[in-house]
């Protein structure tokens, strides 16, 4: 069961699945969520094959390589959020930028990024 957020067959099902995934991820990180997701809910969803991650996981290195390809082609690293050739790259860049700002301002970051990775990104522009 890998229902995407924008599921064309039933938009409300896609929205529900997305909300469940967000709540589950917040619970796993020890954060508060308004949505009630019990261990029993999680178990039942897993029994029917519910996938907690719909998008294919890509490592920092894979994303960074895609960013360097974008920079080579366009001359900059300002990937649009909805970059038509790789929508996930624009979203990743936004997440990385927010995380970098949060870390620099002493706040918690939702994205795990090392100091080495931050330096790599800063050097690229």
PDB file of N, CA and C in Angstrom:
ATOM      1  N   UNK A   1       0.847  -1.190   0.000  1.00  0.00           N
ATOM      2  CA  UNK A   1       0.000   0.000   0.000  1.00  0.00           C
ATOM      3  C   UNK A   1       0.885   1.243   0.000  1.00  0.00           C
ATOM      4  N   UNK A   2       1.090   1.788  -1.159  1.00  0.00           N
ATOM      5  CA  UNK A   2       1.927   2.987  -1.251  1.00  0.00           C
ATOM      6  C   UNK A   2       1.119   4.140  -1.835  1.00  0.00           C
ATOM      7  N   UNK A   3       0.053   4.486  -1.137  1.00  0.00           N
ATOM      8  CA  UNK A   3      -0.846   5.545  -1.589  1.00  0.00           C
ATOM      9  C   UNK A   3      -0.116   6.889  -1.509  1.00  0.00           C
ATOM     10  N   UNK A   4       0.083   7.557  -2.652  1.00  0.00           N
ATOM     11  CA  UNK A   4       0.732   8.873  -2.618  1.00  0.00           C
ATOM     12  C   UNK A   4      -0.246   9.947  -2.147  1.00  0.00           C
ATOM     13  N   UNK A   5       0.291  11.083  -1.727  1.00  0.00           N
ATOM     14  CA  UNK A   5      -0.550  12.174  -1.249  1.00  0.00           C
ATOM     15  C   UNK A   5      -1.519  12.633  -2.331  1.00  0.00           C
ATOM     16  N   UNK A   6      -1.054  12.699  -3.554  1.00  0.00           N
ATOM     17  CA  UNK A   6      -1.915  13.159  -4.650  1.00  0.00           C
ATOM     18  C   UNK A   6      -2.472  11.971  -5.430  1.00  0.00           C
ATOM     19  N   UNK A   7      -3.068  11.042  -4.708  1.00  0.00           N
ATOM     20  CA  UNK A   7      -3.638   9.848  -5.319  1.00  0.00           C
ATOM     21  C   UNK A   7      -4.839  10.232  -6.171  1.00  0.00           C
ATOM     22  N   UNK A   8      -4.743   9.986  -7.465  1.00  0.00           N
ATOM     23  CA  UNK A   8      -5.803  10.408  -8.390  1.00  0.00           C
ATOM     24  C   UNK A   8      -7.093   9.615  -8.212  1.00  0.00           C
ATOM     25  N   UNK A   9      -6.997   8.375  -7.739  1.00  0.00           N
ATOM     26  CA  UNK A   9      -8.180   7.549  -7.567  1.00  0.00           C
ATOM     27  C   UNK A   9      -9.105   8.029  -6.468  1.00  0.00           C
ATOM     28  N   UNK A  10      -8.532   8.645  -5.424  1.00  0.00           N
ATOM     29  CA  UNK A  10      -9.327   9.107  -4.286  1.00  0.00           C
ATOM     30  C   UNK A  10      -8.476  10.104  -3.491  1.00  0.00           C
ATOM     31  N   UNK A  11      -8.654  11.385  -3.771  1.00  0.00           N
ATOM     32  CA  UNK A  11      -7.838  12.422  -3.140  1.00  0.00           C
ATOM     33  C   UNK A  11      -7.914  12.373  -1.612  1.00  0.00           C
ATOM     34  N   UNK A  12      -9.093  12.058  -1.069  1.00  0.00           N
ATOM     35  CA  UNK A  12      -9.227  12.023   0.393  1.00  0.00           C
ATOM     36  C   UNK A  12      -8.394  10.881   0.979  1.00  0.00           C
ATOM     37  N   UNK A  13      -8.294   9.751   0.264  1.00  0.00           N
ATOM     38  CA  UNK A  13      -7.449   8.651   0.731  1.00  0.00           C
ATOM     39  C   UNK A  13      -5.983   9.074   0.711  1.00  0.00           C
ATOM     40  N   UNK A  14      -5.575   9.764  -0.337  1.00  0.00           N
ATOM     41  CA  UNK A  14      -4.202  10.263  -0.410  1.00  0.00           C
ATOM     42  C   UNK A  14      -3.886  11.231   0.711  1.00  0.00           C
ATOM     43  N   UNK A  15      -4.808  12.137   1.001  1.00  0.00           N
ATOM     44  CA  UNK A  15      -4.609  13.089   2.103  1.00  0.00           C
ATOM     45  C   UNK A  15      -4.533  12.364   3.443  1.00  0.00           C
ATOM     46  N   UNK A  16      -5.408  11.368   3.635  1.00  0.00           N
ATOM     47  CA  UNK A  16      -5.415  10.609   4.887  1.00  0.00           C
ATOM     48  C   UNK A  16      -4.084   9.873   5.067  1.00  0.00           C
ATOM     49  N   UNK A  17      -3.635   9.179   4.005  1.00  0.00           N
ATOM     50  CA  UNK A  17      -2.385   8.424   4.084  1.00  0.00           C
ATOM     51  C   UNK A  17      -1.207   9.353   4.381  1.00  0.00           C
ATOM     52  N   UNK A  18      -1.201  10.504   3.760  1.00  0.00           N
ATOM     53  CA  UNK A  18      -0.135  11.472   3.996  1.00  0.00           C
ATOM     54  C   UNK A  18      -0.147  11.950   5.446  1.00  0.00           C
ATOM     55  N   UNK A  19      -1.344  12.234   5.973  1.00  0.00           N
ATOM     56  CA  UNK A  19      -1.465  12.667   7.364  1.00  0.00           C
ATOM     57  C   UNK A  19      -1.012  11.605   8.344  1.00  0.00           C
ATOM     58  N   UNK A  20      -1.343  10.348   8.054  1.00  0.00           N
ATOM     59  CA  UNK A  20      -0.909   9.234   8.903  1.00  0.00           C
ATOM     60  C   UNK A  20       0.608   9.118   8.892  1.00  0.00           C
ATOM     61  N   UNK A  21       1.207   9.248   7.709  1.00  0.00           N
ATOM     62  CA  UNK A  21       2.669   9.166   7.605  1.00  0.00           C
ATOM     63  C   UNK A  21       3.346  10.290   8.391  1.00  0.00           C
ATOM     64  N   UNK A  22       2.817  11.502   8.263  1.00  0.00           N
ATOM     65  CA  UNK A  22       3.417  12.634   8.998  1.00  0.00           C
ATOM     66  C   UNK A  22       3.308  12.420  10.503  1.00  0.00           C
ATOM     67  N   UNK A  23       2.145  11.978  10.960  1.00  0.00           N
ATOM     68  CA  UNK A  23       1.952  11.733  12.394  1.00  0.00           C
ATOM     69  C   UNK A  23       2.892  10.632  12.871  1.00  0.00           C
ATOM     70  N   UNK A  24       2.991   9.562  12.120  1.00  0.00           N
ATOM     71  CA  UNK A  24       3.868   8.443  12.463  1.00  0.00           C
ATOM     72  C   UNK A  24       5.322   8.917  12.585  1.00  0.00           C
ATOM     73  N   UNK A  25       5.771   9.709  11.623  1.00  0.00           N
ATOM     74  CA  UNK A  25       7.149  10.212  11.663  1.00  0.00           C
ATOM     75  C   UNK A  25       7.379  11.140  12.843  1.00  0.00           C
ATOM     76  N   UNK A  26       6.397  11.955  13.190  1.00  0.00           N
ATOM     77  CA  UNK A  26       6.526  12.832  14.363  1.00  0.00           C
ATOM     78  C   UNK A  26       6.598  12.002  15.645  1.00  0.00           C
ATOM     79  N   UNK A  27       5.771  10.980  15.735  1.00  0.00           N
ATOM     80  CA  UNK A  27       5.765  10.109  16.913  1.00  0.00           C
ATOM     81  C   UNK A  27       7.117   9.412  17.050  1.00  0.00           C
ATOM     82  N   UNK A  28       7.654   8.921  15.936  1.00  0.00           N
ATOM     83  CA  UNK A  28       8.965   8.253  15.961  1.00  0.00           C
ATOM     84  C   UNK A  28      10.069   9.178  16.441  1.00  0.00           C
ATOM     85  N   UNK A  29       9.945  10.468  16.155  1.00  0.00           N
ATOM     86  CA  UNK A  29      10.959  11.442  16.590  1.00  0.00           C
ATOM     87  C   UNK A  29      10.665  11.993  17.970  1.00  0.00           C
ATOM     88  N   UNK A  30       9.596  11.505  18.611  1.00  0.00           N
ATOM     89  CA  UNK A  30       9.262  11.950  19.955  1.00  0.00           C
ATOM     90  C   UNK A  30       8.573  13.297  19.994  1.00  0.00           C
ATOM     91  N   UNK A  31       7.970  13.704  18.876  1.00  0.00           N
ATOM     92  CA  UNK A  31       7.293  14.992  18.801  1.00  0.00           C
ATOM     93  C   UNK A  31       5.789  14.819  18.964  1.00  0.00           C
ATOM     94  N   UNK A  32       5.120  15.897  19.326  1.00  0.00           N
ATOM     95  CA  UNK A  32       3.667  15.884  19.523  1.00  0.00           C
ATOM     96  C   UNK A  32       2.945  15.870  18.169  1.00  0.00           C
ATOM     97  N   UNK A  33       1.823  15.187  18.139  1.00  0.00           N
ATOM     98  CA  UNK A  33       0.955  15.217  16.968  1.00  0.00           C
ATOM     99  C   UNK A  33      -0.491  15.261  17.429  1.00  0.00           C
ATOM    100  N   UNK A  34      -1.319  15.991  16.702  1.00  0.00           N
ATOM    101  CA  UNK A  34      -2.738  16.072  17.037  1.00  0.00           C
ATOM    102  C   UNK A  34      -3.501  14.835  16.583  1.00  0.00           C
ATOM    103  N   UNK A  35      -2.954  14.124  15.633  1.00  0.00           N
ATOM    104  CA  UNK A  35      -3.612  12.924  15.100  1.00  0.00           C
ATOM    105  C   UNK A  35      -3.309  11.743  16.020  1.00  0.00           C
ATOM    106  N   UNK A  36      -4.325  10.966  16.320  1.00  0.00           N
ATOM    107  CA  UNK A  36      -4.158   9.794  17.177  1.00  0.00           C
ATOM    108  C   UNK A  36      -3.731   8.612  16.322  1.00  0.00           C
ATOM    109  N   UNK A  37      -2.516   8.135  16.563  1.00  0.00           N
ATOM    110  CA  UNK A  37      -1.993   6.961  15.877  1.00  0.00           C
ATOM    111  C   UNK A  37      -1.430   6.046  16.957  1.00  0.00           C
ATOM    112  N   UNK A  38      -2.163   4.993  17.253  1.00  0.00           N
ATOM    113  CA  UNK A  38      -1.753   4.076  18.318  1.00  0.00           C
ATOM    114  C   UNK A  38      -0.859   2.974  17.762  1.00  0.00           C
ATOM    115  N   UNK A  39      -0.221   2.215  18.664  1.00  0.00           N
ATOM    116  CA  UNK A  39       0.581   1.072  18.237  1.00  0.00           C
ATOM    117  C   UNK A  39      -0.285   0.070  17.479  1.00  0.00           C
ATOM    118  N   UNK A  40      -1.542  -0.064  17.891  1.00  0.00           N
ATOM    119  CA  UNK A  40      -2.462  -0.977  17.212  1.00  0.00           C
ATOM    120  C   UNK A  40      -2.741  -0.495  15.784  1.00  0.00           C
ATOM    121  N   UNK A  41      -2.911   0.815  15.607  1.00  0.00           N
ATOM    122  CA  UNK A  41      -3.107   1.363  14.259  1.00  0.00           C
ATOM    123  C   UNK A  41      -1.896   1.041  13.376  1.00  0.00           C
ATOM    124  N   UNK A  42      -0.720   1.284  13.919  1.00  0.00           N
ATOM    125  CA  UNK A  42       0.522   1.048  13.177  1.00  0.00           C
ATOM    126  C   UNK A  42       0.627  -0.420  12.783  1.00  0.00           C
ATOM    127  N   UNK A  43       0.343  -1.299  13.738  1.00  0.00           N
ATOM    128  CA  UNK A  43       0.427  -2.735  13.469  1.00  0.00           C
ATOM    129  C   UNK A  43      -0.561  -3.152  12.377  1.00  0.00           C
ATOM    130  N   UNK A  44      -1.777  -2.667  12.460  1.00  0.00           N
ATOM    131  CA  UNK A  44      -2.796  -3.030  11.461  1.00  0.00           C
ATOM    132  C   UNK A  44      -2.416  -2.512  10.070  1.00  0.00           C
ATOM    133  N   UNK A  45      -1.883  -1.300  10.013  1.00  0.00           N
ATOM    134  CA  UNK A  45      -1.451  -0.754   8.726  1.00  0.00           C
ATOM    135  C   UNK A  45      -0.302  -1.570   8.144  1.00  0.00           C
ATOM    136  N   UNK A  46       0.632  -1.950   8.994  1.00  0.00           N
ATOM    137  CA  UNK A  46       1.764  -2.748   8.518  1.00  0.00           C
ATOM    138  C   UNK A  46       1.309  -4.130   8.057  1.00  0.00           C
ATOM    139  N   UNK A  47       0.299  -4.679   8.707  1.00  0.00           N
ATOM    140  CA  UNK A  47      -0.229  -5.988   8.311  1.00  0.00           C
ATOM    141  C   UNK A  47      -0.796  -5.981   6.885  1.00  0.00           C
ATOM    142  N   UNK A  48      -1.344  -4.857   6.466  1.00  0.00           N
ATOM    143  CA  UNK A  48      -1.880  -4.772   5.099  1.00  0.00           C
ATOM    144  C   UNK A  48      -0.849  -4.222   4.113  1.00  0.00           C
ATOM    145  N   UNK A  49       0.394  -4.044   4.570  1.00  0.00           N
ATOM    146  CA  UNK A  49       1.471  -3.626   3.683  1.00  0.00           C
ATOM    147  C   UNK A  49       1.588  -2.126   3.477  1.00  0.00           C
ATOM    148  N   UNK A  50       1.077  -1.327   4.419  1.00  0.00           N
ATOM    149  CA  UNK A  50       1.168   0.127   4.315  1.00  0.00           C
ATOM    150  C   UNK A  50       2.630   0.532   4.326  1.00  0.00           C
ATOM    151  N   UNK A  51       3.009   1.363   3.360  1.00  0.00           N
ATOM    152  CA  UNK A  51       4.395   1.837   3.284  1.00  0.00           C
ATOM    153  C   UNK A  51       4.495   3.200   3.948  1.00  0.00           C
ATOM    154  N   UNK A  52       5.405   3.307   4.898  1.00  0.00           N
ATOM    155  CA  UNK A  52       5.575   4.558   5.633  1.00  0.00           C
ATOM    156  C   UNK A  52       6.344   5.579   4.820  1.00  0.00           C
ATOM    157  N   UNK A  53       7.109   5.122   3.864  1.00  0.00           N
ATOM    158  CA  UNK A  53       7.844   6.016   2.965  1.00  0.00           C
ATOM    159  C   UNK A  53       7.444   5.656   1.550  1.00  0.00           C
ATOM    160  N   UNK A  54       6.810   6.571   0.860  1.00  0.00           N
ATOM    161  CA  UNK A  54       6.387   6.320  -0.513  1.00  0.00           C
ATOM    162  C   UNK A  54       7.520   6.648  -1.474  1.00  0.00           C
ATOM    163  N   UNK A  55       8.160   7.770  -1.245  1.00  0.00           N
ATOM    164  CA  UNK A  55       9.240   8.183  -2.137  1.00  0.00           C
ATOM    165  C   UNK A  55      10.460   7.294  -1.917  1.00  0.00           C
ATOM    166  N   UNK A  56      11.167   7.050  -2.994  1.00  0.00           N
ATOM    167  CA  UNK A  56      12.385   6.269  -2.901  1.00  0.00           C
ATOM    168  C   UNK A  56      13.429   7.076  -2.133  1.00  0.00           C
ATOM    169  N   UNK A  57      14.078   6.430  -1.184  1.00  0.00           N
ATOM    170  CA  UNK A  57      15.099   7.114  -0.392  1.00  0.00           C
ATOM    171  C   UNK A  57      16.327   7.373  -1.245  1.00  0.00           C
ATOM    172  N   UNK A  58      16.848   8.585  -1.141  1.00  0.00           N
ATOM    173  CA  UNK A  58      18.096   8.921  -1.810  1.00  0.00           C
ATOM    174  C   UNK A  58      19.034   9.498  -0.768  1.00  0.00           C
ATOM    175  N   UNK A  59      20.262   9.054  -0.795  1.00  0.00           N
ATOM    176  CA  UNK A  59      21.255   9.514   0.174  1.00  0.00           C
ATOM    177  C   UNK A  59      21.646  10.970  -0.096  1.00  0.00           C
ATOM    178  N   UNK A  60      22.309  11.565   0.872  1.00  0.00           N
ATOM    179  CA  UNK A  60      22.808  12.930   0.709  1.00  0.00           C
ATOM    180  C   UNK A  60      23.704  13.002  -0.525  1.00  0.00           C
ATOM    181  N   UNK A  61      24.562  12.010  -0.660  1.00  0.00           N
ATOM    182  CA  UNK A  61      25.509  12.005  -1.764  1.00  0.00           C
ATOM    183  C   UNK A  61      24.789  11.963  -3.117  1.00  0.00           C
ATOM    184  N   UNK A  62      23.724  11.155  -3.212  1.00  0.00           N
ATOM    185  CA  UNK A  62      22.962  11.086  -4.459  1.00  0.00           C
ATOM    186  C   UNK A  62      22.299  12.425  -4.763  1.00  0.00           C
ATOM    187  N   UNK A  63      21.720  13.040  -3.742  1.00  0.00           N
ATOM    188  CA  UNK A  63      21.067  14.339  -3.923  1.00  0.00           C
ATOM    189  C   UNK A  63      22.095  15.405  -4.300  1.00  0.00           C
ATOM    190  N   UNK A  64      23.242  15.377  -3.609  1.00  0.00           N
ATOM    191  CA  UNK A  64      24.292  16.353  -3.874  1.00  0.00           C
ATOM    192  C   UNK A  64      24.776  16.230  -5.322  1.00  0.00           C
ATOM    193  N   UNK A  65      24.917  15.006  -5.792  1.00  0.00           N
ATOM    194  CA  UNK A  65      25.334  14.775  -7.178  1.00  0.00           C
ATOM    195  C   UNK A  65      24.315  15.378  -8.156  1.00  0.00           C
ATOM    196  N   UNK A  66      23.025  15.198  -7.878  1.00  0.00           N
ATOM    197  CA  UNK A  66      21.977  15.780  -8.721  1.00  0.00           C
ATOM    198  C   UNK A  66      22.038  17.309  -8.679  1.00  0.00           C
ATOM    199  N   UNK A  67      22.349  17.851  -7.505  1.00  0.00           N
ATOM    200  CA  UNK A  67      22.478  19.301  -7.371  1.00  0.00           C
ATOM    201  C   UNK A  67      23.644  19.807  -8.219  1.00  0.00           C
ATOM    202  N   UNK A  68      24.751  19.066  -8.228  1.00  0.00           N
ATOM    203  CA  UNK A  68      25.907  19.471  -9.023  1.00  0.00           C
ATOM    204  C   UNK A  68      25.588  19.391 -10.525  1.00  0.00           C
ATOM    205  N   UNK A  69      24.790  18.422 -10.931  1.00  0.00           N
ATOM    206  CA  UNK A  69      24.359  18.336 -12.327  1.00  0.00           C
ATOM    207  C   UNK A  69      23.499  19.551 -12.687  1.00  0.00           C
ATOM    208  N   UNK A  70      22.609  19.933 -11.766  1.00  0.00           N
ATOM    209  CA  UNK A  70      21.763  21.109 -11.978  1.00  0.00           C
ATOM    210  C   UNK A  70      22.639  22.354 -12.106  1.00  0.00           C
ATOM    211  N   UNK A  71      23.618  22.482 -11.225  1.00  0.00           N
ATOM    212  CA  UNK A  71      24.498  23.658 -11.255  1.00  0.00           C
ATOM    213  C   UNK A  71      25.298  23.716 -12.554  1.00  0.00           C
ATOM    214  N   UNK A  72      25.779  22.576 -12.995  1.00  0.00           N
ATOM    215  CA  UNK A  72      26.543  22.538 -14.238  1.00  0.00           C
ATOM    216  C   UNK A  72      25.681  22.999 -15.420  1.00  0.00           C
ATOM    217  N   UNK A  73      24.426  22.594 -15.410  1.00  0.00           N
ATOM    218  CA  UNK A  73      23.519  22.928 -16.507  1.00  0.00           C
ATOM    219  C   UNK A  73      23.039  24.377 -16.439  1.00  0.00           C
ATOM    220  N   UNK A  74      22.752  24.881 -15.205  1.00  0.00           N
ATOM    221  CA  UNK A  74      22.114  26.192 -15.056  1.00  0.00           C
ATOM    222  C   UNK A  74      23.037  27.285 -14.506  1.00  0.00           C
ATOM    223  N   UNK A  75      24.204  26.910 -13.991  1.00  0.00           N
ATOM    224  CA  UNK A  75      25.150  27.900 -13.488  1.00  0.00           C
ATOM    225  C   UNK A  75      24.869  28.399 -12.078  1.00  0.00           C
ATOM    226  N   UNK A  76      23.935  27.795 -11.394  1.00  0.00           N
ATOM    227  CA  UNK A  76      23.610  28.183 -10.013  1.00  0.00           C
ATOM    228  C   UNK A  76      22.959  26.992  -9.301  1.00  0.00           C
ATOM    229  N   UNK A  77      22.744  27.151  -7.992  1.00  0.00           N
ATOM    230  CA  UNK A  77      22.148  26.074  -7.187  1.00  0.00           C
ATOM    231  C   UNK A  77      20.740  26.415  -6.698  1.00  0.00           C
ATOM    232  N   UNK A  78      20.107  27.391  -7.299  1.00  0.00           N
ATOM    233  CA  UNK A  78      18.765  27.798  -6.873  1.00  0.00           C
ATOM    234  C   UNK A  78      17.706  26.948  -7.574  1.00  0.00           C
ATOM    235  N   UNK A  79      17.586  25.715  -7.134  1.00  0.00           N
ATOM    236  CA  UNK A  79      16.647  24.778  -7.744  1.00  0.00           C
ATOM    237  C   UNK A  79      15.224  25.193  -7.366  1.00  0.00           C
ATOM    238  N   UNK A  80      14.365  25.384  -8.351  1.00  0.00           N
ATOM    239  CA  UNK A  80      12.971  25.731  -8.026  1.00  0.00           C
ATOM    240  C   UNK A  80      12.304  24.603  -7.235  1.00  0.00           C
ATOM    241  N   UNK A  81      11.412  24.981  -6.352  1.00  0.00           N
ATOM    242  CA  UNK A  81      10.718  23.992  -5.531  1.00  0.00           C
ATOM    243  C   UNK A  81      10.029  22.943  -6.401  1.00  0.00           C
ATOM    244  N   UNK A  82       9.431  23.374  -7.484  1.00  0.00           N
ATOM    245  CA  UNK A  82       8.737  22.449  -8.386  1.00  0.00           C
ATOM    246  C   UNK A  82       9.511  22.277  -9.701  1.00  0.00           C
ATOM    247  N   UNK A  83      10.783  21.999  -9.591  1.00  0.00           N
ATOM    248  CA  UNK A  83      11.650  21.794 -10.747  1.00  0.00           C
ATOM    249  C   UNK A  83      11.109  20.623 -11.566  1.00  0.00           C
ATOM    250  N   UNK A  84      10.689  20.901 -12.787  1.00  0.00           N
ATOM    251  CA  UNK A  84       9.936  19.913 -13.569  1.00  0.00           C
ATOM    252  C   UNK A  84      10.744  18.667 -13.920  1.00  0.00           C
ATOM    253  N   UNK A  85      12.060  18.750 -13.962  1.00  0.00           N
ATOM    254  CA  UNK A  85      12.876  17.593 -14.334  1.00  0.00           C
ATOM    255  C   UNK A  85      13.173  16.674 -13.150  1.00  0.00           C
ATOM    256  N   UNK A  86      13.029  17.197 -11.928  1.00  0.00           N
ATOM    257  CA  UNK A  86      13.277  16.389 -10.719  1.00  0.00           C
ATOM    258  C   UNK A  86      12.636  17.106  -9.535  1.00  0.00           C
ATOM    259  N   UNK A  87      11.342  16.870  -9.352  1.00  0.00           N
ATOM    260  CA  UNK A  87      10.590  17.586  -8.313  1.00  0.00           C
ATOM    261  C   UNK A  87      11.152  17.358  -6.921  1.00  0.00           C
ATOM    262  N   UNK A  88      11.673  16.171  -6.668  1.00  0.00           N
ATOM    263  CA  UNK A  88      12.192  15.895  -5.328  1.00  0.00           C
ATOM    264  C   UNK A  88      13.474  16.677  -5.041  1.00  0.00           C
ATOM    265  N   UNK A  89      14.227  17.056  -6.079  1.00  0.00           N
ATOM    266  CA  UNK A  89      15.456  17.825  -5.869  1.00  0.00           C
ATOM    267  C   UNK A  89      15.129  19.209  -5.309  1.00  0.00           C
ATOM    268  N   UNK A  90      14.122  19.868  -5.849  1.00  0.00           N
ATOM    269  CA  UNK A  90      13.722  21.173  -5.332  1.00  0.00           C
ATOM    270  C   UNK A  90      13.248  21.096  -3.895  1.00  0.00           C
ATOM    271  N   UNK A  91      12.508  20.056  -3.570  1.00  0.00           N
ATOM    272  CA  UNK A  91      12.026  19.869  -2.199  1.00  0.00           C
ATOM    273  C   UNK A  91      13.191  19.580  -1.260  1.00  0.00           C
ATOM    274  N   UNK A  92      14.134  18.781  -1.717  1.00  0.00           N
ATOM    275  CA  UNK A  92      15.306  18.474  -0.903  1.00  0.00           C
ATOM    276  C   UNK A  92      16.105  19.743  -0.617  1.00  0.00           C
ATOM    277  N   UNK A  93      16.302  20.565  -1.652  1.00  0.00           N
ATOM    278  CA  UNK A  93      17.053  21.814  -1.475  1.00  0.00           C
ATOM    279  C   UNK A  93      16.370  22.715  -0.447  1.00  0.00           C
ATOM    280  N   UNK A  94      15.054  22.812  -0.517  1.00  0.00           N
ATOM    281  CA  UNK A  94      14.327  23.627   0.466  1.00  0.00           C
ATOM    282  C   UNK A  94      14.540  23.082   1.880  1.00  0.00           C
ATOM    283  N   UNK A  95      14.455  21.766   2.035  1.00  0.00           N
ATOM    284  CA  UNK A  95      14.655  21.147   3.348  1.00  0.00           C
ATOM    285  C   UNK A  95      16.063  21.394   3.869  1.00  0.00           C
ATOM    286  N   UNK A  96      17.042  21.264   2.981  1.00  0.00           N
ATOM    287  CA  UNK A  96      18.437  21.478   3.368  1.00  0.00           C
ATOM    288  C   UNK A  96      18.666  22.930   3.793  1.00  0.00           C
ATOM    289  N   UNK A  97      18.110  23.868   3.025  1.00  0.00           N
ATOM    290  CA  UNK A  97      18.279  25.287   3.367  1.00  0.00           C
ATOM    291  C   UNK A  97      17.662  25.603   4.727  1.00  0.00           C
ATOM    292  N   UNK A  98      16.454  25.119   4.944  1.00  0.00           N
ATOM    293  CA  UNK A  98      15.796  25.346   6.239  1.00  0.00           C
ATOM    294  C   UNK A  98      16.598  24.737   7.376  1.00  0.00           C
ATOM    295  N   UNK A  99      17.084  23.534   7.167  1.00  0.00           N
ATOM    296  CA  UNK A  99      17.855  22.864   8.210  1.00  0.00           C
ATOM    297  C   UNK A  99      19.145  23.625   8.504  1.00  0.00           C
ATOM    298  N   UNK A 100      19.814  24.071   7.452  1.00  0.00           N
ATOM    299  CA  UNK A 100      21.042  24.848   7.652  1.00  0.00           C
ATOM    300  C   UNK A 100      20.792  26.117   8.438  1.00  0.00           C
ATOM    301  N   UNK A 101      19.713  26.824   8.112  1.00  0.00           N
ATOM    302  CA  UNK A 101      19.365  28.038   8.857  1.00  0.00           C
ATOM    303  C   UNK A 101      19.024  27.718  10.305  1.00  0.00           C
ATOM    304  N   UNK A 102      18.258  26.668  10.514  1.00  0.00           N
ATOM    305  CA  UNK A 102      17.902  26.277  11.885  1.00  0.00           C
ATOM    306  C   UNK A 102      19.135  25.957  12.706  1.00  0.00           C
ATOM    307  N   UNK A 103      20.055  25.210  12.125  1.00  0.00           N
ATOM    308  CA  UNK A 103      21.281  24.844  12.842  1.00  0.00           C
ATOM    309  C   UNK A 103      22.101  26.086  13.162  1.00  0.00           C
ATOM    310  N   UNK A 104      22.258  26.986  12.180  1.00  0.00           N
ATOM    311  CA  UNK A 104      23.036  28.207  12.406  1.00  0.00           C
ATOM    312  C   UNK A 104      22.414  29.093  13.482  1.00  0.00           C
ATOM    313  N   UNK A 105      21.077  29.045  13.596  1.00  0.00           N
ATOM    314  CA  UNK A 105      20.389  29.861  14.589  1.00  0.00           C
ATOM    315  C   UNK A 105      20.182  29.112  15.909  1.00  0.00           C
ATOM    316  N   UNK A 106      20.783  27.931  16.029  1.00  0.00           N
ATOM    317  CA  UNK A 106      20.722  27.184  17.273  1.00  0.00           C
ATOM    318  C   UNK A 106      19.414  26.451  17.515  1.00  0.00           C
ATOM    319  N   UNK A 107      18.624  26.286  16.469  1.00  0.00           N
ATOM    320  CA  UNK A 107      17.356  25.559  16.604  1.00  0.00           C
ATOM    321  C   UNK A 107      17.518  24.126  16.113  1.00  0.00           C
ATOM    322  N   UNK A 108      16.546  23.305  16.456  1.00  0.00           N
ATOM    323  CA  UNK A 108      16.553  21.908  16.041  1.00  0.00           C
ATOM    324  C   UNK A 108      16.233  21.808  14.551  1.00  0.00           C
ATOM    325  N   UNK A 109      16.909  20.884  13.905  1.00  0.00           N
ATOM    326  CA  UNK A 109      16.693  20.660  12.475  1.00  0.00           C
ATOM    327  C   UNK A 109      15.952  19.348  12.280  1.00  0.00           C
ATOM    328  N   UNK A 110      14.983  19.332  11.376  1.00  0.00           N
ATOM    329  CA  UNK A 110      14.273  18.092  11.064  1.00  0.00           C
ATOM    330  C   UNK A 110      15.088  17.180  10.163  1.00  0.00           C
ATOM    331  N   UNK A 111      16.041  17.731   9.449  1.00  0.00           N
ATOM    332  CA  UNK A 111      16.860  16.966   8.518  1.00  0.00           C
ATOM    333  C   UNK A 111      18.228  16.751   9.148  1.00  0.00           C
ATOM    334  N   UNK A 112      18.677  15.524   9.148  1.00  0.00           N
ATOM    335  CA  UNK A 112      19.996  15.206   9.700  1.00  0.00           C
ATOM    336  C   UNK A 112      21.062  15.580   8.685  1.00  0.00           C
ATOM    337  N   UNK A 113      21.883  16.545   9.050  1.00  0.00           N
ATOM    338  CA  UNK A 113      22.963  16.980   8.161  1.00  0.00           C
ATOM    339  C   UNK A 113      24.221  17.191   8.997  1.00  0.00           C
ATOM    340  N   UNK A 114      25.336  16.702   8.514  1.00  0.00           N
ATOM    341  CA  UNK A 114      26.593  16.820   9.246  1.00  0.00           C
ATOM    342  C   UNK A 114      27.267  18.149   8.911  1.00  0.00           C
ATOM    343  N   UNK A 115      28.244  18.513   9.710  1.00  0.00           N
ATOM    344  CA  UNK A 115      29.001  19.739   9.443  1.00  0.00           C
ATOM    345  C   UNK A 115      29.753  19.623   8.117  1.00  0.00           C
ATOM    346  N   UNK A 116      30.253  18.426   7.825  1.00  0.00           N
ATOM    347  CA  UNK A 116      30.956  18.194   6.567  1.00  0.00           C
ATOM    348  C   UNK A 116      30.015  18.422   5.380  1.00  0.00           C
ATOM    349  N   UNK A 117      28.806  17.923   5.485  1.00  0.00           N
ATOM    350  CA  UNK A 117      27.828  18.107   4.411  1.00  0.00           C
ATOM    351  C   UNK A 117      27.455  19.571   4.253  1.00  0.00           C
ATOM    352  N   UNK A 118      27.314  20.279   5.382  1.00  0.00           N
ATOM    353  CA  UNK A 118      27.001  21.710   5.318  1.00  0.00           C
ATOM    354  C   UNK A 118      28.110  22.459   4.600  1.00  0.00           C
ATOM    355  N   UNK A 119      29.364  22.122   4.900  1.00  0.00           N
ATOM    356  CA  UNK A 119      30.495  22.780   4.243  1.00  0.00           C
ATOM    357  C   UNK A 119      30.508  22.490   2.749  1.00  0.00           C
ATOM    358  N   UNK A 120      30.191  21.258   2.378  1.00  0.00           N
ATOM    359  CA  UNK A 120      30.132  20.899   0.950  1.00  0.00           C
ATOM    360  C   UNK A 120      29.121  21.792   0.237  1.00  0.00           C
ATOM    361  N   UNK A 121      27.960  21.963   0.847  1.00  0.00           N
ATOM    362  CA  UNK A 121      26.913  22.769   0.243  1.00  0.00           C
ATOM    363  C   UNK A 121      27.301  24.248   0.190  1.00  0.00           C
ATOM    364  N   UNK A 122      27.902  24.743   1.257  1.00  0.00           N
ATOM    365  CA  UNK A 122      28.312  26.152   1.300  1.00  0.00           C
ATOM    366  C   UNK A 122      29.342  26.450   0.214  1.00  0.00           C
ATOM    367  N   UNK A 123      30.252  25.509  -0.036  1.00  0.00           N
ATOM    368  CA  UNK A 123      31.281  25.700  -1.060  1.00  0.00           C
ATOM    369  C   UNK A 123      30.689  25.741  -2.476  1.00  0.00           C
ATOM    370  N   UNK A 124      29.557  25.111  -2.671  1.00  0.00           N
ATOM    371  CA  UNK A 124      28.979  25.044  -4.010  1.00  0.00           C
ATOM    372  C   UNK A 124      28.191  26.295  -4.377  1.00  0.00           C
ATOM    373  N   UNK A 125      27.802  27.049  -3.377  1.00  0.00           N
ATOM    374  CA  UNK A 125      27.035  28.270  -3.644  1.00  0.00           C
ATOM    375  C   UNK A 125      25.605  28.014  -3.402  1.00  0.00           C
TER     376      UNK A 125
END
